């Protein structure tokens, strides 16, 4: 697999301040990635977490959409001020039912199907570890239900694009689907992605056809596995960290923050809240 070169981000992404205020006036919800979008260097900084609470207080629907595992999403759905969470790149969504005081889960595949796919992924895992020196299974793999996460930067010395491409090639050769995040290559068996499960979540939880109302939602992300969302949402925004991957991406967001990671997230939220107060 060869690296792809697309238009430079400066020609495609505009400062968030150029966003039409009418977009913000009509906003209904805010979707966002977690790693290197909400976090900075692997940590949730005070400005980002405070911004999350500000979003919640504003009345907007708030849903993280992440490649992180079911075990982590269980915690986030319970503890964070959010309306639900989509995890493992679209394998499921979780939400906390305030009326029943209970966490609820919706998987795309049933238990038996997921178990069978995990057995197949075990074989893929062995092939990747044997073929790509320096990589490792992600430290959060034990908490996953549906995919295999291969670490290329989080807890291992950063690997180059040649190694990352080789990981992707093995997933593909084995009949899997894979996406590159800012820290992992995530692979699974199935044709779903973040966007597909987002549409299911919105339809099942809110009774909304997202295709007819996508201009009332903003998505914020930073890496190649966010491309389906960037392509779909006309008002998506990238934190400045997305520039690290823009040369590898075909679909970039129309808007860009000046801050990296969580600082960019907080910057976008502040912009939105400020304009909503002016309504």
Protein backbone atom coordinates (compact mmCIF):
# COMPACT_ATOMS: atom_id res chain seq x y z
CA UNK A 1 0.00 0.00 0.00
CA UNK A 2 1.42 3.34 -1.02
CA UNK A 3 0.87 6.58 0.80
CA UNK A 4 -1.74 8.72 -0.92
CA UNK A 5 -1.24 12.42 -1.45
CA UNK A 6 -4.23 14.72 -1.53
CA UNK A 7 -4.74 18.45 -1.45
CA UNK A 8 -3.05 20.32 1.36
CA UNK A 9 -5.30 21.04 4.34
CA UNK A 10 -4.93 24.79 4.00
CA UNK A 11 -6.79 24.59 0.68
CA UNK A 12 -9.67 22.59 2.13
CA UNK A 13 -10.15 23.52 5.78
CA UNK A 14 -11.20 26.95 6.98
CA UNK A 15 -10.99 28.46 10.47
CA UNK A 16 -14.01 27.63 12.60
CA UNK A 17 -14.68 31.37 12.92
CA UNK A 18 -15.80 31.33 9.29
CA UNK A 19 -18.68 28.98 10.09
CA UNK A 20 -22.07 30.51 9.38
CA UNK A 21 -23.71 31.53 12.70
CA UNK A 22 -27.01 30.16 11.37
CA UNK A 23 -25.46 26.67 11.51
CA UNK A 24 -24.89 27.03 15.24
CA UNK A 25 -28.35 28.51 15.79
CA UNK A 26 -29.91 25.35 14.34
CA UNK A 27 -27.60 22.82 16.00
CA UNK A 28 -29.18 19.84 17.71
CA UNK A 29 -26.14 17.74 18.63
CA UNK A 30 -22.39 17.38 18.85
CA UNK A 31 -20.50 14.16 17.97
CA UNK A 32 -16.79 13.80 18.65
CA UNK A 33 -13.85 11.43 18.56
CA UNK A 34 -11.87 10.88 21.78
CA UNK A 35 -8.16 10.11 21.26
CA UNK A 36 -6.20 13.19 20.20
CA UNK A 37 -9.48 15.05 19.64
CA UNK A 38 -10.81 15.20 23.19
CA UNK A 39 -7.49 14.19 24.74
CA UNK A 40 -4.05 15.78 24.54
CA UNK A 41 -1.03 13.48 24.73
CA UNK A 42 -3.28 10.76 26.10
CA UNK A 43 -4.79 12.87 28.88
CA UNK A 44 -8.15 14.60 29.34
CA UNK A 45 -7.17 18.16 30.21
CA UNK A 46 -9.33 20.43 32.39
CA UNK A 47 -10.30 22.71 29.49
CA UNK A 48 -11.64 19.81 27.43
CA UNK A 49 -13.58 18.17 30.24
CA UNK A 50 -15.04 21.52 31.28
CA UNK A 51 -16.07 22.09 27.66
CA UNK A 52 -17.86 18.72 27.67
CA UNK A 53 -19.92 19.82 30.66
CA UNK A 54 -20.63 23.13 28.92
CA UNK A 55 -21.99 21.23 25.92
CA UNK A 56 -24.19 19.16 28.20
CA UNK A 57 -25.50 22.28 29.95
CA UNK A 58 -26.25 23.94 26.61
CA UNK A 59 -28.96 21.42 25.83
CA UNK A 60 -27.19 19.91 22.84
CA UNK A 61 -27.14 16.13 22.43
CA UNK A 62 -23.56 14.94 23.05
CA UNK A 63 -22.19 11.60 21.82
CA UNK A 64 -18.53 10.46 21.64
CA UNK A 65 -17.77 8.20 18.67
CA UNK A 66 -14.58 6.28 19.26
CA UNK A 67 -12.43 3.29 18.44
CA UNK A 68 -11.94 2.61 22.14
CA UNK A 69 -13.18 -0.67 23.66
CA UNK A 70 -16.48 -1.72 25.20
CA UNK A 71 -14.97 -1.76 28.69
CA UNK A 72 -13.98 1.87 28.44
CA UNK A 73 -17.29 2.85 26.87
CA UNK A 74 -19.16 1.23 29.75
CA UNK A 75 -17.41 3.61 32.13
CA UNK A 76 -17.86 6.68 29.90
CA UNK A 77 -21.57 6.07 29.36
CA UNK A 78 -22.08 5.88 33.11
CA UNK A 79 -19.76 8.65 34.29
CA UNK A 80 -19.59 11.32 31.58
CA UNK A 81 -22.22 14.00 30.80
CA UNK A 82 -23.16 12.39 27.47
CA UNK A 83 -26.29 11.02 25.81
CA UNK A 84 -24.66 7.79 24.66
CA UNK A 85 -21.43 6.51 23.16
CA UNK A 86 -20.51 4.62 19.99
CA UNK A 87 -17.45 2.38 20.38
CA UNK A 88 -15.03 0.11 18.58
CA UNK A 89 -15.56 2.08 15.35
CA UNK A 90 -19.27 1.34 15.18
CA UNK A 91 -19.61 -2.16 16.62
CA UNK A 92 -22.08 -0.98 19.28
CA UNK A 93 -23.58 1.87 21.18
CA UNK A 94 -24.14 2.17 24.93
CA UNK A 95 -26.31 4.60 26.85
CA UNK A 96 -27.30 5.20 30.44
CA UNK A 97 -31.05 5.13 31.00
CA UNK A 98 -31.69 7.78 33.66
CA UNK A 99 -35.23 6.62 34.29
CA UNK A 100 -34.26 3.02 34.97
CA UNK A 101 -30.86 3.97 36.43
CA UNK A 102 -29.24 1.34 34.25
CA UNK A 103 -26.59 1.08 31.54
CA UNK A 104 -27.97 -0.35 28.29
CA UNK A 105 -26.12 -1.81 25.31
CA UNK A 106 -26.89 -2.31 21.65
CA UNK A 107 -24.46 -4.43 19.57
CA UNK A 108 -24.57 -4.73 15.81
CA UNK A 109 -23.71 -8.48 16.04
CA UNK A 110 -25.10 -10.94 18.59
CA UNK A 111 -22.94 -12.75 21.15
CA UNK A 112 -22.33 -15.85 19.02
CA UNK A 113 -21.33 -13.88 15.95
CA UNK A 114 -18.94 -11.72 17.95
CA UNK A 115 -17.37 -14.83 19.51
CA UNK A 116 -16.76 -16.36 16.10
CA UNK A 117 -15.22 -13.18 14.77
CA UNK A 118 -12.91 -12.92 17.77
CA UNK A 119 -11.54 -16.38 16.94
CA UNK A 120 -10.81 -15.25 13.39
CA UNK A 121 -9.17 -12.08 14.68
CA UNK A 122 -6.85 -14.16 16.85
CA UNK A 123 -5.36 -15.62 13.66
CA UNK A 124 -4.97 -12.14 12.19
CA UNK A 125 -3.28 -11.03 15.40
CA UNK A 126 -0.60 -13.72 15.13
CA UNK A 127 0.10 -12.86 11.49
CA UNK A 128 0.54 -9.17 12.23
CA UNK A 129 2.80 -9.66 15.24
CA UNK A 130 5.00 -12.05 13.23
CA UNK A 131 5.18 -9.82 10.16
CA UNK A 132 5.57 -6.34 11.69
CA UNK A 133 8.37 -6.05 14.26
CA UNK A 134 7.92 -3.30 16.82
CA UNK A 135 4.15 -3.41 16.97
CA UNK A 136 1.99 -4.91 19.73
CA UNK A 137 -1.58 -5.67 20.57
CA UNK A 138 -3.11 -2.57 22.15
CA UNK A 139 -3.13 -2.54 25.93
CA UNK A 140 -6.91 -2.09 25.94
CA UNK A 141 -7.54 -5.25 23.88
CA UNK A 142 -8.75 -7.22 26.91
CA UNK A 143 -11.75 -4.91 27.15
CA UNK A 144 -12.82 -5.27 23.50
CA UNK A 145 -15.86 -7.11 22.19
CA UNK A 146 -15.66 -6.87 18.41
CA UNK A 147 -12.32 -5.75 17.01
CA UNK A 148 -8.56 -6.15 17.17
CA UNK A 149 -6.49 -3.07 18.01
CA UNK A 150 -2.85 -3.01 16.96
CA UNK A 151 -0.74 -0.39 18.67
CA UNK A 152 1.62 1.65 16.53
CA UNK A 153 2.17 4.62 18.81
CA UNK A 154 0.41 4.54 22.19
CA UNK A 155 2.59 2.13 24.23
CA UNK A 156 5.21 1.24 21.63
CA UNK A 157 7.88 3.33 19.94
CA UNK A 158 6.14 5.11 17.03
CA UNK A 159 6.14 3.08 13.83
CA UNK A 160 6.47 4.50 10.32
CA UNK A 161 3.88 4.49 7.56
CA UNK A 162 5.42 1.45 5.90
CA UNK A 163 4.75 -0.62 9.01
CA UNK A 164 1.26 0.84 9.44
CA UNK A 165 0.46 0.04 5.81
CA UNK A 166 1.67 -3.53 6.31
CA UNK A 167 -0.66 -3.96 9.29
CA UNK A 168 -3.56 -2.70 7.17
CA UNK A 169 -2.59 -5.00 4.31
CA UNK A 170 -2.71 -8.08 6.55
CA UNK A 171 -6.16 -7.16 7.83
CA UNK A 172 -7.33 -6.76 4.23
CA UNK A 173 -5.69 -9.98 3.04
CA UNK A 174 -7.56 -11.83 5.80
CA UNK A 175 -10.88 -10.40 4.66
CA UNK A 176 -11.18 -7.80 7.38
CA UNK A 177 -11.94 -4.10 7.50
CA UNK A 178 -9.50 -1.72 9.15
CA UNK A 179 -9.17 1.93 10.05
CA UNK A 180 -6.20 3.97 11.23
CA UNK A 181 -6.64 6.12 14.32
CA UNK A 182 -4.03 8.42 15.83
CA UNK A 183 -2.63 5.54 17.93
CA UNK A 184 -3.96 2.19 16.68
CA UNK A 185 -4.93 0.26 13.58
CA UNK A 186 -8.33 -1.21 14.39
CA UNK A 187 -9.53 -4.21 12.39
CA UNK A 188 -12.76 -6.20 12.37
CA UNK A 189 -14.93 -8.45 10.23
CA UNK A 190 -17.92 -6.57 8.85
CA UNK A 191 -18.66 -3.56 6.69
CA UNK A 192 -19.77 -1.18 9.45
CA UNK A 193 -18.01 2.00 10.53
CA UNK A 194 -18.53 4.97 12.84
CA UNK A 195 -21.06 6.58 10.53
CA UNK A 196 -23.29 3.55 10.06
CA UNK A 197 -23.74 3.07 13.81
CA UNK A 198 -24.24 6.80 14.32
CA UNK A 199 -27.21 6.67 11.97
CA UNK A 200 -28.60 3.62 13.79
CA UNK A 201 -28.15 5.30 17.17
CA UNK A 202 -29.91 8.49 16.11
CA UNK A 203 -32.79 6.58 14.53
CA UNK A 204 -33.31 4.16 17.42
CA UNK A 205 -32.71 6.54 20.32
CA UNK A 206 -34.08 9.83 18.99
CA UNK A 207 -36.41 8.76 16.16
CA UNK A 208 -34.50 10.88 13.67
CA UNK A 209 -33.49 10.18 10.07
CA UNK A 210 -29.97 11.61 10.16
CA UNK A 211 -29.76 11.87 6.36
CA UNK A 212 -32.45 14.55 6.42
CA UNK A 213 -31.01 16.46 9.39
CA UNK A 214 -27.25 16.01 9.23
CA UNK A 215 -26.71 19.76 8.87
CA UNK A 216 -28.01 20.15 12.44
CA UNK A 217 -25.10 18.17 13.89
CA UNK A 218 -21.38 18.83 14.18
CA UNK A 219 -18.69 16.16 14.28
CA UNK A 220 -15.19 16.86 15.60
CA UNK A 221 -12.29 14.50 14.92
CA UNK A 222 -8.63 14.21 14.04
CA UNK A 223 -7.57 11.10 12.11
CA UNK A 224 -8.20 8.76 9.15
CA UNK A 225 -10.82 6.67 10.93
CA UNK A 226 -12.92 9.83 11.11
CA UNK A 227 -13.08 10.20 7.33
CA UNK A 228 -16.60 8.73 6.97
CA UNK A 229 -17.81 11.36 9.42
CA UNK A 230 -15.89 14.20 7.79
CA UNK A 231 -17.30 13.23 4.41
CA UNK A 232 -20.88 12.96 5.66
CA UNK A 233 -21.34 15.93 7.99
CA UNK A 234 -21.25 19.28 6.15
CA UNK A 235 -20.35 21.08 9.39
CA UNK A 236 -17.61 18.78 10.65
CA UNK A 237 -14.48 20.25 12.19
CA UNK A 238 -11.01 18.89 12.72
CA UNK A 239 -8.81 19.79 15.64
CA UNK A 240 -5.48 21.05 14.35
CA UNK A 241 -3.95 17.61 15.01
CA UNK A 242 -5.65 16.39 11.83
CA UNK A 243 -2.84 18.03 9.87
CA UNK A 244 -0.60 15.13 10.97
CA UNK A 245 -2.70 12.80 8.80
CA UNK A 246 -4.11 15.07 6.09
CA UNK A 247 -1.70 13.76 3.46
CA UNK A 248 -3.16 10.29 4.05
CA UNK A 249 -6.80 11.35 3.88
CA UNK A 250 -9.15 11.87 0.98
CA UNK A 251 -11.94 13.48 2.97
CA UNK A 252 -11.05 16.35 5.28
CA UNK A 253 -13.38 18.46 7.42
CA UNK A 254 -14.44 21.87 6.11
CA UNK A 255 -13.43 23.60 9.35
CA UNK A 256 -10.27 23.54 11.48
CA UNK A 257 -9.37 24.70 14.99
CA UNK A 258 -6.08 26.38 15.81
CA UNK A 259 -5.53 24.20 18.90
CA UNK A 260 -4.36 20.60 18.92
CA UNK A 261 -6.28 17.79 20.59
CA UNK A 262 -8.31 18.75 23.63
CA UNK A 263 -7.40 22.42 23.30
CA UNK A 264 -8.93 22.43 19.83
CA UNK A 265 -11.98 20.62 21.17
CA UNK A 266 -12.42 23.27 23.87
CA UNK A 267 -11.90 26.01 21.29
CA UNK A 268 -14.68 24.63 19.08
CA UNK A 269 -17.06 24.20 22.00
CA UNK A 270 -16.38 27.74 23.22
CA UNK A 271 -17.14 29.07 19.74
CA UNK A 272 -20.42 27.15 19.61
CA UNK A 273 -21.55 28.13 23.11
CA UNK A 274 -20.69 31.76 22.52
CA UNK A 275 -22.80 31.94 19.37
CA UNK A 276 -25.69 30.00 20.91
CA UNK A 277 -25.86 32.60 23.69
CA UNK A 278 -26.23 35.26 21.00
CA UNK A 279 -29.41 33.66 19.60
